[in-house]
Protein backbone atom coordinates (compact mmCIF):
# COMPACT_ATOMS: atom_id res chain seq x y z
CA UNK A 1 89.36 73.24 145.26
CA UNK A 2 91.45 71.47 147.57
CA UNK A 3 94.52 73.20 147.92
CA UNK A 4 97.92 71.11 148.99
CA UNK A 5 100.98 73.15 149.60
CA UNK A 6 104.27 71.75 151.22
CA UNK A 7 105.99 75.05 151.53
CA UNK A 8 109.11 76.19 149.60
CA UNK A 9 112.02 75.17 151.57
CA UNK A 10 111.96 71.43 151.59
CA UNK A 11 110.15 69.00 149.54
CA UNK A 12 107.42 66.70 151.25
CA UNK A 13 106.79 63.72 148.64
CA UNK A 14 104.95 61.86 151.40
CA UNK A 15 102.08 64.21 151.37
CA UNK A 16 101.96 64.87 147.57
CA UNK A 17 101.95 60.93 147.05
CA UNK A 18 99.14 60.74 149.23
CA UNK A 19 96.89 63.11 148.18
CA UNK A 20 97.62 61.98 144.60
CA UNK A 21 96.86 58.42 145.34
CA UNK A 22 93.43 59.32 146.48
CA UNK A 23 92.50 62.60 144.39
CA UNK A 24 90.69 60.82 141.39
CA UNK A 25 88.21 59.50 144.49
CA UNK A 26 87.50 63.08 145.58
CA UNK A 27 84.73 65.41 144.36
CA UNK A 28 86.60 68.38 144.13
CA UNK A 29 89.61 69.17 142.14
CA UNK A 30 92.97 69.37 143.59
CA UNK A 31 95.83 71.88 143.02
CA UNK A 32 99.13 71.06 144.74
CA UNK A 33 102.26 73.12 145.21
CA UNK A 34 105.11 70.65 145.51
CA UNK A 35 108.00 72.79 145.72
CA UNK A 36 111.29 70.77 145.65
CA UNK A 37 109.69 67.67 145.60
CA UNK A 38 110.59 64.78 143.08
CA UNK A 39 107.27 62.97 142.79
CA UNK A 40 105.41 64.39 139.91
CA UNK A 41 101.50 63.88 140.70
CA UNK A 42 99.57 61.92 138.23
CA UNK A 43 95.84 62.46 139.07
CA UNK A 44 95.70 66.28 140.18
CA UNK A 45 97.12 69.51 138.79
CA UNK A 46 100.13 70.65 140.28
CA UNK A 47 102.75 73.56 140.04
CA UNK A 48 106.37 73.80 141.56
CA UNK A 49 105.92 77.19 143.67
CA UNK A 50 102.87 79.56 143.85
CA UNK A 51 104.06 83.31 142.87
CA UNK A 52 103.80 85.57 145.68
CA UNK A 53 101.50 87.82 143.70
CA UNK A 54 98.97 84.94 143.06
CA UNK A 55 99.26 83.48 146.39
CA UNK A 56 96.56 85.19 148.17
CA UNK A 57 93.70 84.63 144.88
CA UNK A 58 94.88 80.81 145.24
CA UNK A 59 94.05 80.64 149.07
CA UNK A 60 90.64 82.27 148.36
CA UNK A 61 89.56 80.13 145.73
CA UNK A 62 90.51 77.22 148.15
CA UNK A 63 87.76 75.32 150.02
CA UNK A 64 90.51 73.42 152.08
CA UNK A 65 93.98 73.55 152.57
CA UNK A 66 96.28 70.59 153.14
CA UNK A 67 99.76 71.54 154.48
CA UNK A 68 103.20 70.57 156.29
CA UNK A 69 102.53 72.01 159.84
CA UNK A 70 104.23 75.47 158.75
CA UNK A 71 102.82 77.99 161.12
CA UNK A 72 102.45 80.83 158.16
CA UNK A 73 100.45 78.41 156.43
CA UNK A 74 97.91 77.86 159.51
CA UNK A 75 97.80 81.51 159.87
CA UNK A 76 97.06 82.11 156.19
CA UNK A 77 94.17 79.40 156.48
CA UNK A 78 92.84 81.26 159.81
CA UNK A 79 93.26 84.55 157.64
CA UNK A 80 91.05 83.49 154.93
CA UNK A 81 88.49 81.45 157.09
CA UNK A 82 89.67 78.14 155.30
CA UNK A 83 89.60 75.01 157.43
CA UNK A 84 93.10 73.29 157.17
CA UNK A 85 94.47 69.64 157.40
CA UNK A 86 98.05 69.52 159.01
CA UNK A 87 100.45 66.63 158.02
CA UNK A 88 103.38 67.09 160.21
CA UNK A 89 106.66 66.43 158.70
CA UNK A 90 108.64 63.83 160.66
CA UNK A 91 112.50 63.88 161.25
CA UNK A 92 112.70 59.96 161.42
CA UNK A 93 111.51 59.90 157.63
CA UNK A 94 114.12 62.38 156.68
CA UNK A 95 111.39 65.24 155.92
CA UNK A 96 112.86 67.91 158.49
CA UNK A 97 115.76 68.22 161.00
CA UNK A 98 113.79 67.72 164.04
CA UNK A 99 110.14 67.11 165.14
CA UNK A 100 109.02 70.46 165.74
CA UNK A 101 106.03 70.03 163.21
CA UNK A 102 104.86 66.93 165.60
CA UNK A 103 105.12 69.46 168.58
CA UNK A 104 103.15 72.35 166.48
CA UNK A 105 100.27 69.90 165.91
CA UNK A 106 100.15 68.90 169.46
CA UNK A 107 99.46 72.25 170.28
CA UNK A 108 96.98 72.93 167.40
CA UNK A 109 95.14 69.90 167.32
CA UNK A 110 91.19 70.37 168.32
CA UNK A 111 91.26 74.10 167.54
CA UNK A 112 88.41 75.25 165.53
CA UNK A 113 89.24 74.77 161.78
CA UNK A 114 92.33 72.81 162.46
CA UNK A 115 92.42 69.19 161.50
CA UNK A 116 95.61 66.95 162.14
CA UNK A 117 96.21 63.77 159.86
CA UNK A 118 98.78 61.49 161.24
CA UNK A 119 98.21 58.76 158.40
CA UNK A 120 96.98 58.58 155.02
CA UNK A 121 93.71 57.17 156.11
CA UNK A 122 93.17 60.10 158.49
CA UNK A 123 94.15 62.62 155.62
CA UNK A 124 91.42 60.51 153.31
CA UNK A 125 88.84 60.68 155.51
CA UNK A 126 89.41 64.82 156.11
CA UNK A 127 89.23 65.23 152.85
CA UNK A 128 86.02 63.33 152.05
CA UNK A 129 84.48 64.98 154.99
CA UNK A 130 82.90 68.64 155.09
CA UNK A 131 85.10 70.32 157.55
CA UNK A 132 84.23 73.06 159.66
CA UNK A 133 86.05 76.26 158.98
CA UNK A 134 88.03 78.31 161.68
CA UNK A 135 86.35 81.78 162.91
CA UNK A 136 87.88 84.68 160.82
CA UNK A 137 87.64 86.69 164.00
CA UNK A 138 90.93 87.75 165.19
CA UNK A 139 91.18 87.96 169.19
CA UNK A 140 93.93 90.55 168.83
CA UNK A 141 91.42 92.86 167.23
CA UNK A 142 88.70 92.30 169.95
CA UNK A 143 91.44 93.34 172.73
CA UNK A 144 92.63 96.16 170.46
CA UNK A 145 88.96 97.28 170.26
CA UNK A 146 88.43 97.02 174.02
CA UNK A 147 91.53 99.01 174.60
CA UNK A 148 90.67 101.58 172.17
CA UNK A 149 87.12 102.11 173.78
CA UNK A 150 88.60 102.17 177.36
CA UNK A 151 90.98 104.88 176.44
CA UNK A 152 88.23 106.92 174.59
CA UNK A 153 86.37 106.73 177.88
CA UNK A 154 89.25 107.62 179.95
CA UNK A 155 90.19 110.58 177.80
CA UNK A 156 86.82 111.67 177.74
CA UNK A 157 86.61 112.17 181.58
CA UNK A 158 90.16 113.85 181.75
């Protein structure tokens, strides 16, 4: 399943409309969390909001995530090892107060499992592709394990 999520704070009808336009051409079903948007999808299942208790389950069932460039969603995709396609909100289109999401994707582009769609065509091409997932290994866990081993060794010599 493809999960589209726009967050809960602001509508993002441009993203929802784009995916809905070509959802019927996709081989996987699509579920869209449309938040406060006013556009009603015609070609995919949708809900206003995913209940917090159901969020992990829905994320786990997804094969790819499509999202605004919200860092919480990026981190959740990494935690579950899911590829994520980011479509940044743009202030010039009235989608946000500023262009921090453009700055966010500028920093994240090219990282394993993260794909940035700057156009509807980019988005469609990514959805038709077999995207690589990010590594589920958390670099902080590697560092933590290294520190623990060092401290154990040090304490053994004291």
